[in-house]
Amino acid sequence: MPNIENLTKRKITGGKRRAYRGKRRRERKAQPRVVEVGELITKSRRVRGGNIVTYVVRTDKVNVATPEGTKNVKILSVVSNPANRDYERRGVITKGAIVATELGKVRITSKPSKNGALSGVLLK
């Protein structure tokens, strides 16, 4: 599969090179999916090979790994998100985000925009 970014590279002389073909369906980029705090909404989409991927659009619960076992806890708010400072203001959850829950602060360990569930670890 050719690299899409190389379809319209410039020549050594600096001149523009015409793309020899258009993008194929498999080369399209998916729309960015942001996961926000709220009532649970999940969606599914078909991916290459006919597989189905379920992802979270909005959620208010997180599966937290604690020393006593795993607990499903309510999310209160997003405390910080190292992926993007704007995500903190908007309340977007990504992997590595720190959220406030009923048990305390939790770091998200799953990719909520790719997995159908939200998992995290309790911080000390």
C-alpha atoms as a PDB file:
ATOM      1  CA  MET A   1       0.000   0.000   0.000  1.00  0.00           C
ATOM      2  CA  PRO A   2       1.604   3.274  -1.049  1.00  0.00           C
ATOM      3  CA  ASN A   3       2.149   6.069   1.409  1.00  0.00           C
ATOM      4  CA  ILE A   4      -0.531   8.731   0.844  1.00  0.00           C
ATOM      5  CA  GLU A   5       1.740  11.537   1.961  1.00  0.00           C
ATOM      6  CA  ASN A   6       4.088  10.747  -0.940  1.00  0.00           C
ATOM      7  CA  LEU A   7       1.434  11.150  -3.646  1.00  0.00           C
ATOM      8  CA  THR A   8       2.065  14.875  -4.108  1.00  0.00           C
ATOM      9  CA  LYS A   9       5.645  15.430  -2.991  1.00  0.00           C
ATOM     10  CA  ARG A  10       7.676  18.097  -4.774  1.00  0.00           C
ATOM     11  CA  LYS A  11      10.460  17.388  -7.251  1.00  0.00           C
ATOM     12  CA  ILE A  12      14.118  17.963  -6.338  1.00  0.00           C
ATOM     13  CA  THR A  13      13.960  21.175  -8.382  1.00  0.00           C
ATOM     14  CA  GLY A  14      11.060  22.419  -6.255  1.00  0.00           C
ATOM     15  CA  GLY A  15       8.397  21.969  -8.920  1.00  0.00           C
ATOM     16  CA  LYS A  16       5.023  20.433  -8.068  1.00  0.00           C
ATOM     17  CA  ARG A  17       4.429  16.835  -8.960  1.00  0.00           C
ATOM     18  CA  ARG A  18       0.912  15.788  -9.935  1.00  0.00           C
ATOM     19  CA  ALA A  19      -0.607  12.947  -7.887  1.00  0.00           C
ATOM     20  CA  TYR A  20      -0.903   9.864 -10.089  1.00  0.00           C
ATOM     21  CA  ARG A  21      -4.166   8.811  -8.421  1.00  0.00           C
ATOM     22  CA  GLY A  22      -6.701   9.855  -5.793  1.00  0.00           C
ATOM     23  CA  LYS A  23      -7.107   8.515  -2.274  1.00  0.00           C
ATOM     24  CA  ARG A  24      -8.530   5.052  -1.810  1.00  0.00           C
ATOM     25  CA  ARG A  25     -11.297   4.307   0.681  1.00  0.00           C
ATOM     26  CA  ARG A  26      -8.885   2.440   2.954  1.00  0.00           C
ATOM     27  CA  GLU A  27      -6.608   5.487   3.079  1.00  0.00           C
ATOM     28  CA  ARG A  28      -9.226   7.847   4.495  1.00  0.00           C
ATOM     29  CA  LYS A  29      -8.676   9.165   7.985  1.00  0.00           C
ATOM     30  CA  ALA A  30     -11.384   8.617  10.587  1.00  0.00           C
ATOM     31  CA  GLN A  31     -13.047  11.610  12.211  1.00  0.00           C
ATOM     32  CA  PRO A  32     -11.482  12.511  15.571  1.00  0.00           C
ATOM     33  CA  ARG A  33     -13.558  11.082  18.411  1.00  0.00           C
ATOM     34  CA  VAL A  34     -13.522  12.911  21.722  1.00  0.00           C
ATOM     35  CA  VAL A  35     -14.905  11.266  24.847  1.00  0.00           C
ATOM     36  CA  GLU A  36     -16.672  13.582  27.274  1.00  0.00           C
ATOM     37  CA  VAL A  37     -18.137  13.178  30.747  1.00  0.00           C
ATOM     38  CA  GLY A  38     -21.882  12.512  30.683  1.00  0.00           C
ATOM     39  CA  GLU A  39     -24.506   9.787  30.358  1.00  0.00           C
ATOM     40  CA  LEU A  40     -23.127   6.646  28.637  1.00  0.00           C
ATOM     41  CA  ILE A  41     -23.250   6.662  24.827  1.00  0.00           C
ATOM     42  CA  THR A  42     -21.373   4.070  22.753  1.00  0.00           C
ATOM     43  CA  LYS A  43     -21.210   3.703  18.983  1.00  0.00           C
ATOM     44  CA  SER A  44     -19.977   1.034  16.593  1.00  0.00           C
ATOM     45  CA  ARG A  45     -18.409   1.287  13.184  1.00  0.00           C
ATOM     46  CA  ARG A  46     -17.226  -1.157  10.583  1.00  0.00           C
ATOM     47  CA  VAL A  47     -13.496  -1.224  10.008  1.00  0.00           C
ATOM     48  CA  ARG A  48     -11.275  -2.929   7.473  1.00  0.00           C
ATOM     49  CA  GLY A  49     -11.773  -6.672   7.245  1.00  0.00           C
ATOM     50  CA  GLY A  50     -15.459  -6.413   8.172  1.00  0.00           C
ATOM     51  CA  ASN A  51     -14.681  -6.119  11.875  1.00  0.00           C
ATOM     52  CA  ILE A  52     -16.779  -3.992  14.205  1.00  0.00           C
ATOM     53  CA  VAL A  53     -15.155  -1.530  16.620  1.00  0.00           C
ATOM     54  CA  THR A  54     -17.176  -0.226  19.576  1.00  0.00           C
ATOM     55  CA  TYR A  55     -16.108   3.079  21.056  1.00  0.00           C
ATOM     56  CA  VAL A  56     -17.299   5.393  23.807  1.00  0.00           C
ATOM     57  CA  VAL A  57     -18.698   8.836  22.921  1.00  0.00           C
ATOM     58  CA  ARG A  58     -19.737   9.895  26.413  1.00  0.00           C
ATOM     59  CA  THR A  59     -19.420   8.161  29.780  1.00  0.00           C
ATOM     60  CA  ASP A  60     -19.892   8.837  33.478  1.00  0.00           C
ATOM     61  CA  LYS A  61     -18.342   5.630  34.908  1.00  0.00           C
ATOM     62  CA  VAL A  62     -14.822   4.211  35.016  1.00  0.00           C
ATOM     63  CA  ASN A  63     -13.589   0.731  35.986  1.00  0.00           C
ATOM     64  CA  VAL A  64     -10.974   1.406  38.672  1.00  0.00           C
ATOM     65  CA  ALA A  65      -8.339  -1.139  39.707  1.00  0.00           C
ATOM     66  CA  THR A  66      -7.930  -0.969  43.488  1.00  0.00           C
ATOM     67  CA  PRO A  67      -6.066  -3.241  45.937  1.00  0.00           C
ATOM     68  CA  GLU A  68      -9.436  -4.771  46.941  1.00  0.00           C
ATOM     69  CA  GLY A  69     -10.450  -5.439  43.320  1.00  0.00           C
ATOM     70  CA  THR A  70     -12.047  -3.660  40.384  1.00  0.00           C
ATOM     71  CA  LYS A  71     -14.851  -1.179  41.070  1.00  0.00           C
ATOM     72  CA  ASN A  72     -17.141   0.740  38.714  1.00  0.00           C
ATOM     73  CA  VAL A  73     -17.040   4.338  39.969  1.00  0.00           C
ATOM     74  CA  LYS A  74     -18.783   7.571  38.954  1.00  0.00           C
ATOM     75  CA  ILE A  75     -16.641  10.282  37.307  1.00  0.00           C
ATOM     76  CA  LEU A  76     -17.031  13.728  38.843  1.00  0.00           C
ATOM     77  CA  SER A  77     -14.781  15.823  36.561  1.00  0.00           C
ATOM     78  CA  VAL A  78     -11.600  15.891  34.474  1.00  0.00           C
ATOM     79  CA  VAL A  79      -8.728  17.225  36.614  1.00  0.00           C
ATOM     80  CA  SER A  80      -5.936  17.296  34.025  1.00  0.00           C
ATOM     81  CA  ASN A  81      -5.195  15.976  30.562  1.00  0.00           C
ATOM     82  CA  PRO A  82      -1.556  15.914  29.402  1.00  0.00           C
ATOM     83  CA  ALA A  83      -2.606  15.280  25.791  1.00  0.00           C
ATOM     84  CA  ASN A  84      -4.027  18.793  25.352  1.00  0.00           C
ATOM     85  CA  ARG A  85      -4.635  21.693  27.739  1.00  0.00           C
ATOM     86  CA  ASP A  86      -7.854  22.546  25.914  1.00  0.00           C
ATOM     87  CA  TYR A  87      -9.174  19.056  26.726  1.00  0.00           C
ATOM     88  CA  GLU A  88      -9.033  19.931  30.443  1.00  0.00           C
ATOM     89  CA  ARG A  89     -11.364  22.893  29.915  1.00  0.00           C
ATOM     90  CA  ARG A  90     -13.713  20.923  27.667  1.00  0.00           C
ATOM     91  CA  GLY A  91     -13.755  17.849  29.925  1.00  0.00           C
ATOM     92  CA  VAL A  92     -12.418  15.457  27.269  1.00  0.00           C
ATOM     93  CA  ILE A  93     -11.089  12.076  28.443  1.00  0.00           C
ATOM     94  CA  THR A  94      -8.104  10.420  26.743  1.00  0.00           C
ATOM     95  CA  LYS A  95      -5.551   7.828  27.808  1.00  0.00           C
ATOM     96  CA  GLY A  96      -3.391   9.344  30.567  1.00  0.00           C
ATOM     97  CA  ALA A  97      -6.045  11.853  31.672  1.00  0.00           C
ATOM     98  CA  ILE A  98      -6.580  12.313  35.404  1.00  0.00           C
ATOM     99  CA  VAL A  99     -10.199  12.354  36.535  1.00  0.00           C
ATOM    100  CA  ALA A 100     -11.803  12.979  39.921  1.00  0.00           C
ATOM    101  CA  THR A 101     -14.024  10.119  41.101  1.00  0.00           C
ATOM    102  CA  GLU A 102     -15.844   9.125  44.280  1.00  0.00           C
ATOM    103  CA  LEU A 103     -12.754   7.116  45.364  1.00  0.00           C
ATOM    104  CA  GLY A 104     -10.261   9.888  44.566  1.00  0.00           C
ATOM    105  CA  LYS A 105      -8.089  10.748  41.575  1.00  0.00           C
ATOM    106  CA  VAL A 106      -7.797   8.126  38.829  1.00  0.00           C
ATOM    107  CA  ARG A 107      -5.487   7.932  35.798  1.00  0.00           C
ATOM    108  CA  ILE A 108      -7.137   6.529  32.659  1.00  0.00           C
ATOM    109  CA  THR A 109      -5.246   3.517  31.277  1.00  0.00           C
ATOM    110  CA  SER A 110      -7.471   2.547  28.326  1.00  0.00           C
ATOM    111  CA  LYS A 111      -8.090   4.334  25.037  1.00  0.00           C
ATOM    112  CA  PRO A 112     -11.780   5.258  25.349  1.00  0.00           C
ATOM    113  CA  SER A 113     -12.079   6.350  21.712  1.00  0.00           C
ATOM    114  CA  LYS A 114     -10.966   2.864  20.613  1.00  0.00           C
ATOM    115  CA  ASN A 115     -12.276   0.594  23.394  1.00  0.00           C
ATOM    116  CA  GLY A 116     -15.871   0.126  24.441  1.00  0.00           C
ATOM    117  CA  ALA A 117     -15.021   0.672  28.122  1.00  0.00           C
ATOM    118  CA  LEU A 118     -13.100   3.095  30.312  1.00  0.00           C
ATOM    119  CA  SER A 119     -10.468   1.733  32.702  1.00  0.00           C
ATOM    120  CA  GLY A 120      -8.231   3.459  35.215  1.00  0.00           C
ATOM    121  CA  VAL A 121      -5.874   3.133  38.158  1.00  0.00           C
ATOM    122  CA  LEU A 122      -6.310   4.815  41.530  1.00  0.00           C
ATOM    123  CA  LEU A 123      -3.619   7.390  42.304  1.00  0.00           C
ATOM    124  CA  LYS A 124      -2.170   7.734  45.784  1.00  0.00           C
END
